[in-house]
Amino acid sequence: MSDTTGRTLRLLSLLQAHREWPGAELAERLGVSPRTLRRDVDRLRELGYPVHSVSGPAGGYRLEAGTAMPPLLLDDEEAVAIAVGLRTAAAGTVAGIEETSARALAKLEQVLPSRLRRRVNTLHTQTVALPGALPRPWPAVDAETLAVLAQAARDRERLRFGYRDRDGAESARLAEPYRLVSAGRRWYLVAWDTGREDWRTFRVDRMTAPRAVGVRFAPREPPEGHIERSIVAPISRHRAVVTLHAPLEVAADRIWPSDHVRLEAVDERTCLLRTGGDSLEWLALTIGLLDLDFTVHEPPELADRMRRLAGRLRADQGSTEPPERQ
């Protein structure tokens, strides 16, 4: 690689890593004169990179978005991260990007150095999906829908969309989007519902035809802890809050990670478990199987179910001796 080519690639790398560079600082980094720097910038422009320049004492250079996607320079860690992300997306729950993710991954792996390709392949071959970890099908969401929601949240623009709740009731909503939340294999939109005049969390796969209406809104913040609480509650019919009399790290080691489980430390000896389920019996059994002392705060019906379950277990304790043969 010639000195000019190598220097031009280094210039491109610097421009991609920093929003704007003063001309003098950029020339010093490259060890060239301002005149040589201008020539290198012109080479990048000829290759399709939109480098914007501002003259004068406060002038400088920055790489802007253009009309076409030029080649990117990635360091080793960035290349591995993108390859792993594309493999995950190719088998994920965002509809419509599986094929494009696979195509992009094929292009990237074709040019990855062998040392990086080995790292990516090792991670892929040494990772397995646990059979039965997902007992029911998880709905996919449309990539275009996610893009519309994210842009409206970024631009603080109101959204209009149809929504179907867990009981199948449909309604029209007008909301001010705050954040998209990815929880496990589900996507949620946290927003201020203008009709209800309150914060709401919407499952994205239950939304239909979301569109920005061109009305901007002043930013507002949800109550502290709202996002975590609102994600747990809608997933399951019953919501449980339980104090586990064990350190956080001990409890976390016994609980399967899920999008409907939240753990937070209370002190060095106890932690708070927020979880949910469609069945109180299932919740009682799950908490009991943790083999930890606990205190149920809500719902009251869960504590009753646990007492009944404990009573059944005590009643079923009988002799362990096998029956005598006749």
C-alpha atoms as a PDB file:
ATOM      1  CA  MET A   1       0.000   0.000   0.000  1.00  0.00           C
ATOM      2  CA  SER A   2       1.449   3.379  -1.017  1.00  0.00           C
ATOM      3  CA  ASP A   3       1.991   6.138   1.526  1.00  0.00           C
ATOM      4  CA  THR A   4      -0.722   8.225  -0.169  1.00  0.00           C
ATOM      5  CA  THR A   5      -3.265   5.394  -0.076  1.00  0.00           C
ATOM      6  CA  GLY A   6      -2.470   4.520   3.519  1.00  0.00           C
ATOM      7  CA  ARG A   7      -2.711   8.144   4.568  1.00  0.00           C
ATOM      8  CA  THR A   8      -6.041   8.558   2.782  1.00  0.00           C
ATOM      9  CA  LEU A   9      -7.455   5.515   4.544  1.00  0.00           C
ATOM     10  CA  ARG A  10      -6.244   6.879   7.893  1.00  0.00           C
ATOM     11  CA  LEU A  11      -7.893  10.211   7.087  1.00  0.00           C
ATOM     12  CA  LEU A  12     -11.152   8.392   6.354  1.00  0.00           C
ATOM     13  CA  SER A  13     -10.896   6.485   9.631  1.00  0.00           C
ATOM     14  CA  LEU A  14     -10.429   9.724  11.571  1.00  0.00           C
ATOM     15  CA  LEU A  15     -13.359  11.405   9.847  1.00  0.00           C
ATOM     16  CA  GLN A  16     -15.620   8.420  10.595  1.00  0.00           C
ATOM     17  CA  ALA A  17     -14.693   8.450  14.277  1.00  0.00           C
ATOM     18  CA  HIS A  18     -15.177  12.151  14.973  1.00  0.00           C
ATOM     19  CA  ARG A  19     -17.976  14.529  14.020  1.00  0.00           C
ATOM     20  CA  GLU A  20     -15.748  17.475  13.057  1.00  0.00           C
ATOM     21  CA  TRP A  21     -11.984  18.034  12.927  1.00  0.00           C
ATOM     22  CA  PRO A  22     -10.190  21.394  12.878  1.00  0.00           C
ATOM     23  CA  GLY A  23      -7.991  21.437   9.758  1.00  0.00           C
ATOM     24  CA  ALA A  24      -4.776  22.118  11.705  1.00  0.00           C
ATOM     25  CA  GLU A  25      -5.402  19.240  14.120  1.00  0.00           C
ATOM     26  CA  LEU A  26      -6.230  16.817  11.315  1.00  0.00           C
ATOM     27  CA  ALA A  27      -3.074  17.766   9.376  1.00  0.00           C
ATOM     28  CA  GLU A  28      -0.986  17.321  12.531  1.00  0.00           C
ATOM     29  CA  ARG A  29      -2.504  13.869  13.164  1.00  0.00           C
ATOM     30  CA  LEU A  30      -1.572  12.786   9.645  1.00  0.00           C
ATOM     31  CA  GLY A  31       1.812  14.498   9.690  1.00  0.00           C
ATOM     32  CA  VAL A  32       1.156  16.450   6.506  1.00  0.00           C
ATOM     33  CA  SER A  33       0.819  20.060   5.419  1.00  0.00           C
ATOM     34  CA  PRO A  34      -2.615  21.745   5.082  1.00  0.00           C
ATOM     35  CA  ARG A  35      -2.159  21.651   1.291  1.00  0.00           C
ATOM     36  CA  THR A  36      -1.569  17.864   1.299  1.00  0.00           C
ATOM     37  CA  LEU A  37      -4.572  17.447   3.570  1.00  0.00           C
ATOM     38  CA  ARG A  38      -6.769  19.291   1.076  1.00  0.00           C
ATOM     39  CA  ARG A  39      -5.564  16.983  -1.720  1.00  0.00           C
ATOM     40  CA  ASP A  40      -6.349  13.892   0.383  1.00  0.00           C
ATOM     41  CA  VAL A  41      -9.816  15.260   1.143  1.00  0.00           C
ATOM     42  CA  ASP A  42     -10.370  15.764  -2.605  1.00  0.00           C
ATOM     43  CA  ARG A  43      -9.426  12.104  -3.187  1.00  0.00           C
ATOM     44  CA  LEU A  44     -12.064  10.998  -0.707  1.00  0.00           C
ATOM     45  CA  ARG A  45     -14.657  13.164  -2.442  1.00  0.00           C
ATOM     46  CA  GLU A  46     -13.786  11.579  -5.788  1.00  0.00           C
ATOM     47  CA  LEU A  47     -14.425   8.169  -4.175  1.00  0.00           C
ATOM     48  CA  GLY A  48     -17.905   9.283  -3.128  1.00  0.00           C
ATOM     49  CA  TYR A  49     -17.314  10.350   0.474  1.00  0.00           C
ATOM     50  CA  PRO A  50     -19.169  13.631   1.195  1.00  0.00           C
ATOM     51  CA  VAL A  51     -16.526  15.544   3.178  1.00  0.00           C
ATOM     52  CA  HIS A  52     -17.772  19.001   4.133  1.00  0.00           C
ATOM     53  CA  SER A  53     -15.226  21.757   4.738  1.00  0.00           C
ATOM     54  CA  VAL A  54     -15.497  25.172   6.374  1.00  0.00           C
ATOM     55  CA  SER A  55     -12.829  27.813   5.643  1.00  0.00           C
ATOM     56  CA  GLY A  56     -11.389  30.342   8.031  1.00  0.00           C
ATOM     57  CA  PRO A  57      -9.639  30.197  11.406  1.00  0.00           C
ATOM     58  CA  ALA A  58     -12.475  28.118  12.931  1.00  0.00           C
ATOM     59  CA  GLY A  59     -12.782  25.950   9.848  1.00  0.00           C
ATOM     60  CA  GLY A  60     -12.485  22.216   9.649  1.00  0.00           C
ATOM     61  CA  TYR A  61     -13.700  18.997   8.044  1.00  0.00           C
ATOM     62  CA  ARG A  62     -16.494  16.564   8.762  1.00  0.00           C
ATOM     63  CA  LEU A  63     -17.963  13.546   7.032  1.00  0.00           C
ATOM     64  CA  GLU A  64     -21.634  14.004   6.186  1.00  0.00           C
ATOM     65  CA  ALA A  65     -24.376  11.680   5.047  1.00  0.00           C
ATOM     66  CA  GLY A  66     -24.551  11.390   1.287  1.00  0.00           C
ATOM     67  CA  THR A  67     -26.994  10.018  -1.275  1.00  0.00           C
ATOM     68  CA  ALA A  68     -25.250   6.634  -1.501  1.00  0.00           C
ATOM     69  CA  MET A  69     -23.634   4.297   1.021  1.00  0.00           C
ATOM     70  CA  PRO A  70     -19.840   4.493   0.623  1.00  0.00           C
ATOM     71  CA  PRO A  71     -17.505   1.797   1.985  1.00  0.00           C
ATOM     72  CA  LEU A  72     -16.901   1.888   5.738  1.00  0.00           C
ATOM     73  CA  LEU A  73     -13.680   1.391   7.638  1.00  0.00           C
ATOM     74  CA  LEU A  74     -14.172  -0.815  10.701  1.00  0.00           C
ATOM     75  CA  ASP A  75     -11.718  -1.788  13.374  1.00  0.00           C
ATOM     76  CA  ASP A  76     -11.511  -5.431  14.514  1.00  0.00           C
ATOM     77  CA  GLU A  77     -13.962  -5.116  17.404  1.00  0.00           C
ATOM     78  CA  GLU A  78     -16.490  -3.197  15.306  1.00  0.00           C
ATOM     79  CA  ALA A  79     -16.360  -5.791  12.531  1.00  0.00           C
ATOM     80  CA  VAL A  80     -16.910  -8.680  14.952  1.00  0.00           C
ATOM     81  CA  ALA A  81     -19.768  -6.850  16.697  1.00  0.00           C
ATOM     82  CA  ILE A  82     -21.537  -6.176  13.399  1.00  0.00           C
ATOM     83  CA  ALA A  83     -21.094  -9.768  12.208  1.00  0.00           C
ATOM     84  CA  VAL A  84     -22.525 -11.161  15.462  1.00  0.00           C
ATOM     85  CA  GLY A  85     -25.400  -8.677  15.330  1.00  0.00           C
ATOM     86  CA  LEU A  86     -26.237  -9.623  11.746  1.00  0.00           C
ATOM     87  CA  ARG A  87     -26.294 -13.321  12.609  1.00  0.00           C
ATOM     88  CA  THR A  88     -28.662 -12.595  15.474  1.00  0.00           C
ATOM     89  CA  ALA A  89     -30.885 -10.452  13.258  1.00  0.00           C
ATOM     90  CA  ALA A  90     -30.992 -13.127  10.552  1.00  0.00           C
ATOM     91  CA  ALA A  91     -32.687 -15.461  13.041  1.00  0.00           C
ATOM     92  CA  GLY A  92     -34.512 -12.863  15.113  1.00  0.00           C
ATOM     93  CA  THR A  93     -38.055 -11.647  15.538  1.00  0.00           C
ATOM     94  CA  VAL A  94     -37.917  -8.472  13.441  1.00  0.00           C
ATOM     95  CA  ALA A  95     -39.817  -9.420  10.306  1.00  0.00           C
ATOM     96  CA  GLY A  96     -38.481  -8.430   6.923  1.00  0.00           C
ATOM     97  CA  ILE A  97     -34.791  -8.139   7.778  1.00  0.00           C
ATOM     98  CA  GLU A  98     -33.811 -11.809   7.959  1.00  0.00           C
ATOM     99  CA  GLU A  99     -32.885 -12.053   4.277  1.00  0.00           C
ATOM    100  CA  THR A 100     -31.187  -8.660   4.099  1.00  0.00           C
ATOM    101  CA  SER A 101     -29.243  -9.441   7.291  1.00  0.00           C
ATOM    102  CA  ALA A 102     -28.059 -12.720   5.777  1.00  0.00           C
ATOM    103  CA  ARG A 103     -26.949 -10.928   2.576  1.00  0.00           C
ATOM    104  CA  ALA A 104     -25.087  -8.254   4.532  1.00  0.00           C
ATOM    105  CA  LEU A 105     -23.454 -10.922   6.690  1.00  0.00           C
ATOM    106  CA  ALA A 106     -22.274 -12.818   3.608  1.00  0.00           C
ATOM    107  CA  LYS A 107     -20.670  -9.642   2.216  1.00  0.00           C
ATOM    108  CA  LEU A 108     -18.980  -8.853   5.509  1.00  0.00           C
ATOM    109  CA  GLU A 109     -17.645 -12.382   6.106  1.00  0.00           C
ATOM    110  CA  GLN A 110     -16.241 -12.436   2.565  1.00  0.00           C
ATOM    111  CA  VAL A 111     -13.848  -9.604   3.385  1.00  0.00           C
ATOM    112  CA  LEU A 112     -13.169 -10.374   7.053  1.00  0.00           C
ATOM    113  CA  PRO A 113      -9.558 -11.339   7.773  1.00  0.00           C
ATOM    114  CA  SER A 114      -9.222 -15.001   8.680  1.00  0.00           C
ATOM    115  CA  ARG A 115      -8.415 -14.198  12.330  1.00  0.00           C
ATOM    116  CA  LEU A 116     -11.699 -12.280  12.700  1.00  0.00           C
ATOM    117  CA  ARG A 117     -13.690 -14.860  10.751  1.00  0.00           C
ATOM    118  CA  ARG A 118     -12.475 -17.512  13.179  1.00  0.00           C
ATOM    119  CA  ARG A 119     -13.622 -15.406  16.142  1.00  0.00           C
ATOM    120  CA  VAL A 120     -17.095 -14.951  14.677  1.00  0.00           C
ATOM    121  CA  ASN A 121     -17.438 -18.610  13.697  1.00  0.00           C
ATOM    122  CA  THR A 122     -16.206 -19.782  17.100  1.00  0.00           C
ATOM    123  CA  LEU A 123     -18.848 -17.711  18.849  1.00  0.00           C
ATOM    124  CA  HIS A 124     -21.518 -19.067  16.482  1.00  0.00           C
ATOM    125  CA  THR A 125     -20.539 -22.735  16.763  1.00  0.00           C
ATOM    126  CA  GLN A 126     -20.092 -22.627  20.536  1.00  0.00           C
ATOM    127  CA  THR A 127     -23.506 -21.042  21.172  1.00  0.00           C
ATOM    128  CA  VAL A 128     -26.647 -23.167  21.196  1.00  0.00           C
ATOM    129  CA  ALA A 129     -30.324 -22.380  21.618  1.00  0.00           C
ATOM    130  CA  LEU A 130     -31.824 -24.150  24.602  1.00  0.00           C
ATOM    131  CA  PRO A 131     -34.594 -26.508  23.398  1.00  0.00           C
ATOM    132  CA  GLY A 132     -37.901 -25.651  24.952  1.00  0.00           C
ATOM    133  CA  ALA A 133     -36.729 -22.262  26.202  1.00  0.00           C
ATOM    134  CA  LEU A 134     -39.497 -20.642  24.178  1.00  0.00           C
ATOM    135  CA  PRO A 135     -42.613 -22.705  24.793  1.00  0.00           C
ATOM    136  CA  ARG A 136     -44.837 -20.568  22.586  1.00  0.00           C
ATOM    137  CA  PRO A 137     -44.302 -18.729  19.304  1.00  0.00           C
ATOM    138  CA  TRP A 138     -43.143 -15.142  19.687  1.00  0.00           C
ATOM    139  CA  PRO A 139     -44.700 -12.635  17.283  1.00  0.00           C
ATOM    140  CA  ALA A 140     -42.389 -10.893  14.855  1.00  0.00           C
ATOM    141  CA  VAL A 141     -42.506  -7.149  14.363  1.00  0.00           C
ATOM    142  CA  ASP A 142     -42.089  -5.258  11.128  1.00  0.00           C
ATOM    143  CA  ALA A 143     -38.763  -3.477  10.650  1.00  0.00           C
ATOM    144  CA  GLU A 144     -40.474  -0.527   8.981  1.00  0.00           C
ATOM    145  CA  THR A 145     -42.768  -0.157  11.987  1.00  0.00           C
ATOM    146  CA  LEU A 146     -39.771  -0.003  14.327  1.00  0.00           C
ATOM    147  CA  ALA A 147     -38.180   2.639  12.098  1.00  0.00           C
ATOM    148  CA  VAL A 148     -41.348   4.784  12.149  1.00  0.00           C
ATOM    149  CA  LEU A 149     -41.616   4.557  15.940  1.00  0.00           C
ATOM    150  CA  ALA A 150     -37.930   5.292  16.526  1.00  0.00           C
ATOM    151  CA  GLN A 151     -37.962   8.308  14.215  1.00  0.00           C
ATOM    152  CA  ALA A 152     -41.099   9.740  15.834  1.00  0.00           C
ATOM    153  CA  ALA A 153     -39.527   9.331  19.290  1.00  0.00           C
ATOM    154  CA  ARG A 154     -36.330  10.992  18.104  1.00  0.00           C
ATOM    155  CA  ASP A 155     -38.153  13.891  16.413  1.00  0.00           C
ATOM    156  CA  ARG A 156     -40.708  14.243  19.255  1.00  0.00           C
ATOM    157  CA  GLU A 157     -43.602  13.885  16.855  1.00  0.00           C
ATOM    158  CA  ARG A 158     -47.014  12.522  17.796  1.00  0.00           C
ATOM    159  CA  LEU A 159     -48.078   9.101  16.525  1.00  0.00           C
ATOM    160  CA  ARG A 160     -51.491   7.815  15.487  1.00  0.00           C
ATOM    161  CA  PHE A 161     -52.049   4.051  15.352  1.00  0.00           C
ATOM    162  CA  GLY A 162     -54.518   1.267  15.986  1.00  0.00           C
ATOM    163  CA  TYR A 163     -54.022  -0.970  18.994  1.00  0.00           C
ATOM    164  CA  ARG A 164     -55.343  -4.378  20.076  1.00  0.00           C
ATOM    165  CA  ASP A 165     -55.136  -5.192  23.781  1.00  0.00           C
ATOM    166  CA  ARG A 166     -54.619  -8.659  25.288  1.00  0.00           C
ATOM    167  CA  ASP A 167     -58.383  -9.311  25.299  1.00  0.00           C
ATOM    168  CA  GLY A 168     -58.668  -8.483  21.594  1.00  0.00           C
ATOM    169  CA  ALA A 169     -60.377  -5.097  22.033  1.00  0.00           C
ATOM    170  CA  GLU A 170     -59.284  -2.604  19.368  1.00  0.00           C
ATOM    171  CA  SER A 171     -58.940   1.146  19.738  1.00  0.00           C
ATOM    172  CA  ALA A 172     -57.440   4.165  17.990  1.00  0.00           C
ATOM    173  CA  ARG A 173     -54.597   5.875  19.851  1.00  0.00           C
ATOM    174  CA  LEU A 174     -52.800   9.205  19.645  1.00  0.00           C
ATOM    175  CA  ALA A 175     -49.566   9.188  21.627  1.00  0.00           C
ATOM    176  CA  GLU A 176     -46.305  11.017  22.234  1.00  0.00           C
ATOM    177  CA  PRO A 177     -43.561   8.363  21.883  1.00  0.00           C
ATOM    178  CA  TYR A 178     -40.808   8.326  24.488  1.00  0.00           C
ATOM    179  CA  ARG A 179     -38.682   5.200  23.946  1.00  0.00           C
ATOM    180  CA  LEU A 180     -38.636   1.882  22.151  1.00  0.00           C
ATOM    181  CA  VAL A 181     -37.845  -0.976  24.523  1.00  0.00           C
ATOM    182  CA  SER A 182     -36.502  -4.373  23.528  1.00  0.00           C
ATOM    183  CA  ALA A 183     -37.314  -6.889  26.282  1.00  0.00           C
ATOM    184  CA  GLY A 184     -36.314 -10.449  25.535  1.00  0.00           C
ATOM    185  CA  ARG A 185     -37.989 -11.254  22.226  1.00  0.00           C
ATOM    186  CA  ARG A 186     -40.662  -8.572  22.416  1.00  0.00           C
ATOM    187  CA  TRP A 187     -40.671  -4.892  21.473  1.00  0.00           C
ATOM    188  CA  TYR A 188     -42.574  -2.179  23.342  1.00  0.00           C
ATOM    189  CA  LEU A 189     -43.243   1.515  22.858  1.00  0.00           C
ATOM    190  CA  VAL A 190     -43.370   3.661  25.992  1.00  0.00           C
ATOM    191  CA  ALA A 191     -45.477   6.749  25.271  1.00  0.00           C
ATOM    192  CA  TRP A 192     -47.760   9.389  26.745  1.00  0.00           C
ATOM    193  CA  ASP A 193     -51.291   8.501  25.663  1.00  0.00           C
ATOM    194  CA  THR A 194     -53.011  11.829  24.931  1.00  0.00           C
ATOM    195  CA  GLY A 195     -56.510  10.313  25.114  1.00  0.00           C
ATOM    196  CA  ARG A 196     -55.933   8.679  28.523  1.00  0.00           C
ATOM    197  CA  GLU A 197     -53.686  11.508  29.708  1.00  0.00           C
ATOM    198  CA  ASP A 198     -51.286   9.001  31.206  1.00  0.00           C
ATOM    199  CA  TRP A 199     -48.224   6.928  30.397  1.00  0.00           C
ATOM    200  CA  ARG A 200     -48.850   3.702  28.511  1.00  0.00           C
ATOM    201  CA  THR A 201     -46.649   0.877  27.238  1.00  0.00           C
ATOM    202  CA  PHE A 202     -47.731  -0.648  23.921  1.00  0.00           C
ATOM    203  CA  ARG A 203     -46.637  -3.985  22.500  1.00  0.00           C
ATOM    204  CA  VAL A 204     -45.380  -3.206  19.015  1.00  0.00           C
ATOM    205  CA  ASP A 205     -46.739  -6.424  17.479  1.00  0.00           C
ATOM    206  CA  ARG A 206     -50.251  -5.317  18.530  1.00  0.00           C
ATOM    207  CA  MET A 207     -49.947  -1.926  16.831  1.00  0.00           C
ATOM    208  CA  THR A 208     -51.328  -1.326  13.342  1.00  0.00           C
ATOM    209  CA  ALA A 209     -50.498   1.355  10.757  1.00  0.00           C
ATOM    210  CA  PRO A 210     -48.481   3.718  12.999  1.00  0.00           C
ATOM    211  CA  ARG A 211     -47.821   7.079  11.374  1.00  0.00           C
ATOM    212  CA  ALA A 212     -46.466  10.412  12.488  1.00  0.00           C
ATOM    213  CA  VAL A 213     -49.074  13.186  12.277  1.00  0.00           C
ATOM    214  CA  GLY A 214     -46.700  16.136  11.953  1.00  0.00           C
ATOM    215  CA  VAL A 215     -47.444  17.608  15.391  1.00  0.00           C
ATOM    216  CA  ARG A 216     -44.437  18.169  17.654  1.00  0.00           C
ATOM    217  CA  PHE A 217     -44.635  17.892  21.438  1.00  0.00           C
ATOM    218  CA  ALA A 218     -42.621  19.110  24.399  1.00  0.00           C
ATOM    219  CA  PRO A 219     -40.519  16.331  25.948  1.00  0.00           C
ATOM    220  CA  ARG A 220     -41.622  14.796  29.238  1.00  0.00           C
ATOM    221  CA  GLU A 221     -40.176  12.087  31.461  1.00  0.00           C
ATOM    222  CA  PRO A 222     -42.110   9.073  32.787  1.00  0.00           C
ATOM    223  CA  PRO A 223     -42.124   8.401  36.551  1.00  0.00           C
ATOM    224  CA  GLU A 224     -39.023   6.692  37.882  1.00  0.00           C
ATOM    225  CA  GLY A 225     -39.189   2.939  37.375  1.00  0.00           C
ATOM    226  CA  HIS A 226     -42.223   3.171  35.079  1.00  0.00           C
ATOM    227  CA  ILE A 227     -40.585   1.417  32.143  1.00  0.00           C
ATOM    228  CA  GLU A 228     -39.545  -1.630  34.162  1.00  0.00           C
ATOM    229  CA  ARG A 229     -42.904  -1.916  35.919  1.00  0.00           C
ATOM    230  CA  SER A 230     -44.936  -1.422  32.763  1.00  0.00           C
ATOM    231  CA  ILE A 231     -43.017  -4.088  30.849  1.00  0.00           C
ATOM    232  CA  VAL A 232     -43.590  -6.728  33.528  1.00  0.00           C
ATOM    233  CA  ALA A 233     -47.287  -6.051  34.082  1.00  0.00           C
ATOM    234  CA  PRO A 234     -48.710  -6.358  30.530  1.00  0.00           C
ATOM    235  CA  ILE A 235     -46.955  -9.646  29.777  1.00  0.00           C
ATOM    236  CA  SER A 236     -48.876 -11.739  32.279  1.00  0.00           C
ATOM    237  CA  ARG A 237     -52.350 -11.835  33.760  1.00  0.00           C
ATOM    238  CA  HIS A 238     -51.018 -11.891  37.333  1.00  0.00           C
ATOM    239  CA  ARG A 239     -48.226  -9.669  38.626  1.00  0.00           C
ATOM    240  CA  ALA A 240     -46.265 -10.684  41.696  1.00  0.00           C
ATOM    241  CA  VAL A 241     -43.979  -8.699  43.993  1.00  0.00           C
ATOM    242  CA  VAL A 242     -41.966 -10.849  46.374  1.00  0.00           C
ATOM    243  CA  THR A 243     -39.084 -10.190  48.761  1.00  0.00           C
ATOM    244  CA  LEU A 244     -36.470 -12.944  48.545  1.00  0.00           C
ATOM    245  CA  HIS A 245     -34.413 -13.342  51.705  1.00  0.00           C
ATOM    246  CA  ALA A 246     -31.156 -13.869  49.873  1.00  0.00           C
ATOM    247  CA  PRO A 247     -28.486 -11.635  48.300  1.00  0.00           C
ATOM    248  CA  LEU A 248     -29.180 -10.441  44.779  1.00  0.00           C
ATOM    249  CA  GLU A 249     -26.406 -12.544  43.229  1.00  0.00           C
ATOM    250  CA  VAL A 250     -27.758 -15.724  44.870  1.00  0.00           C
ATOM    251  CA  ALA A 251     -31.296 -15.106  43.633  1.00  0.00           C
ATOM    252  CA  ALA A 252     -30.132 -14.143  40.131  1.00  0.00           C
ATOM    253  CA  ASP A 253     -28.238 -17.420  39.873  1.00  0.00           C
ATOM    254  CA  ARG A 254     -31.461 -19.382  40.443  1.00  0.00           C
ATOM    255  CA  ILE A 255     -33.831 -17.419  38.202  1.00  0.00           C
ATOM    256  CA  TRP A 256     -34.044 -17.968  34.453  1.00  0.00           C
ATOM    257  CA  PRO A 257     -33.577 -14.618  32.646  1.00  0.00           C
ATOM    258  CA  SER A 258     -36.820 -13.503  31.046  1.00  0.00           C
ATOM    259  CA  ASP A 259     -38.577 -10.375  29.828  1.00  0.00           C
ATOM    260  CA  HIS A 260     -41.150 -10.721  32.645  1.00  0.00           C
ATOM    261  CA  VAL A 261     -38.681 -10.969  35.539  1.00  0.00           C
ATOM    262  CA  ARG A 262     -37.036  -8.057  37.334  1.00  0.00           C
ATOM    263  CA  LEU A 263     -34.688  -8.312  40.332  1.00  0.00           C
ATOM    264  CA  GLU A 264     -33.407  -5.432  42.435  1.00  0.00           C
ATOM    265  CA  ALA A 265     -31.334  -5.395  45.576  1.00  0.00           C
ATOM    266  CA  VAL A 266     -32.940  -4.177  48.801  1.00  0.00           C
ATOM    267  CA  ASP A 267     -29.868  -4.623  50.973  1.00  0.00           C
ATOM    268  CA  GLU A 268     -26.982  -7.065  51.282  1.00  0.00           C
ATOM    269  CA  ARG A 269     -29.268  -9.893  52.446  1.00  0.00           C
ATOM    270  CA  THR A 270     -32.529  -9.396  50.542  1.00  0.00           C
ATOM    271  CA  CYS A 271     -33.768  -8.513  47.076  1.00  0.00           C
ATOM    272  CA  LEU A 272     -37.111  -7.714  45.447  1.00  0.00           C
ATOM    273  CA  LEU A 273     -38.530  -9.948  42.723  1.00  0.00           C
ATOM    274  CA  ARG A 274     -41.112  -8.582  40.273  1.00  0.00           C
ATOM    275  CA  THR A 275     -42.536 -11.210  37.965  1.00  0.00           C
ATOM    276  CA  GLY A 276     -45.738 -12.307  36.324  1.00  0.00           C
ATOM    277  CA  GLY A 277     -47.622 -15.293  35.010  1.00  0.00           C
ATOM    278  CA  ASP A 278     -50.942 -16.326  33.550  1.00  0.00           C
ATOM    279  CA  SER A 279     -51.550 -18.740  36.438  1.00  0.00           C
ATOM    280  CA  LEU A 280     -51.242 -18.152  40.187  1.00  0.00           C
ATOM    281  CA  GLU A 281     -50.504 -21.852  40.634  1.00  0.00           C
ATOM    282  CA  TRP A 282     -47.592 -21.595  38.203  1.00  0.00           C
ATOM    283  CA  LEU A 283     -46.253 -18.529  40.017  1.00  0.00           C
ATOM    284  CA  ALA A 284     -46.513 -20.275  43.396  1.00  0.00           C
ATOM    285  CA  LEU A 285     -44.665 -23.321  42.119  1.00  0.00           C
ATOM    286  CA  THR A 286     -41.965 -21.256  40.397  1.00  0.00           C
ATOM    287  CA  ILE A 287     -41.235 -19.164  43.478  1.00  0.00           C
ATOM    288  CA  GLY A 288     -41.291 -22.230  45.704  1.00  0.00           C
ATOM    289  CA  LEU A 289     -38.764 -24.011  43.513  1.00  0.00           C
ATOM    290  CA  LEU A 290     -36.224 -21.232  44.136  1.00  0.00           C
ATOM    291  CA  ASP A 291     -35.629 -22.871  47.535  1.00  0.00           C
ATOM    292  CA  LEU A 292     -35.293 -19.455  49.201  1.00  0.00           C
ATOM    293  CA  ASP A 293     -37.172 -17.880  52.080  1.00  0.00           C
ATOM    294  CA  PHE A 294     -39.561 -15.249  50.794  1.00  0.00           C
ATOM    295  CA  THR A 295     -42.342 -12.811  51.667  1.00  0.00           C
ATOM    296  CA  VAL A 296     -45.218 -12.249  49.224  1.00  0.00           C
ATOM    297  CA  HIS A 297     -46.345  -8.614  48.960  1.00  0.00           C
ATOM    298  CA  GLU A 298     -48.811  -8.890  46.084  1.00  0.00           C
ATOM    299  CA  PRO A 299     -51.183 -10.193  45.012  1.00  0.00           C
ATOM    300  CA  PRO A 300     -52.800 -11.474  48.221  1.00  0.00           C
ATOM    301  CA  GLU A 301     -54.209 -14.432  46.266  1.00  0.00           C
ATOM    302  CA  LEU A 302     -50.683 -15.648  45.567  1.00  0.00           C
ATOM    303  CA  ALA A 303     -49.901 -16.027  49.266  1.00  0.00           C
ATOM    304  CA  ASP A 304     -53.120 -18.047  49.644  1.00  0.00           C
ATOM    305  CA  ARG A 305     -52.163 -20.296  46.707  1.00  0.00           C
ATOM    306  CA  MET A 306     -48.749 -20.896  48.223  1.00  0.00           C
ATOM    307  CA  ARG A 307     -50.243 -21.899  51.576  1.00  0.00           C
ATOM    308  CA  ARG A 308     -52.572 -24.326  49.815  1.00  0.00           C
ATOM    309  CA  LEU A 309     -49.685 -25.732  47.784  1.00  0.00           C
ATOM    310  CA  ALA A 310     -47.614 -26.222  50.934  1.00  0.00           C
ATOM    311  CA  GLY A 311     -50.577 -27.960  52.578  1.00  0.00           C
ATOM    312  CA  ARG A 312     -50.906 -30.388  49.665  1.00  0.00           C
ATOM    313  CA  LEU A 313     -47.219 -31.183  49.791  1.00  0.00           C
ATOM    314  CA  ARG A 314     -47.393 -31.889  53.522  1.00  0.00           C
ATOM    315  CA  ALA A 315     -50.480 -34.050  53.061  1.00  0.00           C
ATOM    316  CA  ASP A 316     -48.779 -36.059  50.322  1.00  0.00           C
ATOM    317  CA  GLN A 317     -45.822 -36.936  52.524  1.00  0.00           C
ATOM    318  CA  GLY A 318     -46.220 -40.609  53.266  1.00  0.00           C
ATOM    319  CA  SER A 319     -44.114 -43.637  53.856  1.00  0.00           C
ATOM    320  CA  THR A 320     -41.176 -44.019  51.518  1.00  0.00           C
ATOM    321  CA  GLU A 321     -41.156 -47.782  52.044  1.00  0.00           C
ATOM    322  CA  PRO A 322     -42.308 -49.777  48.999  1.00  0.00           C
ATOM    323  CA  PRO A 323     -45.552 -51.750  49.456  1.00  0.00           C
ATOM    324  CA  GLU A 324     -45.149 -55.349  50.662  1.00  0.00           C
ATOM    325  CA  ARG A 325     -45.630 -58.060  48.115  1.00  0.00           C
ATOM    326  CA  GLN A 326     -48.649 -60.280  48.675  1.00  0.00           C
END
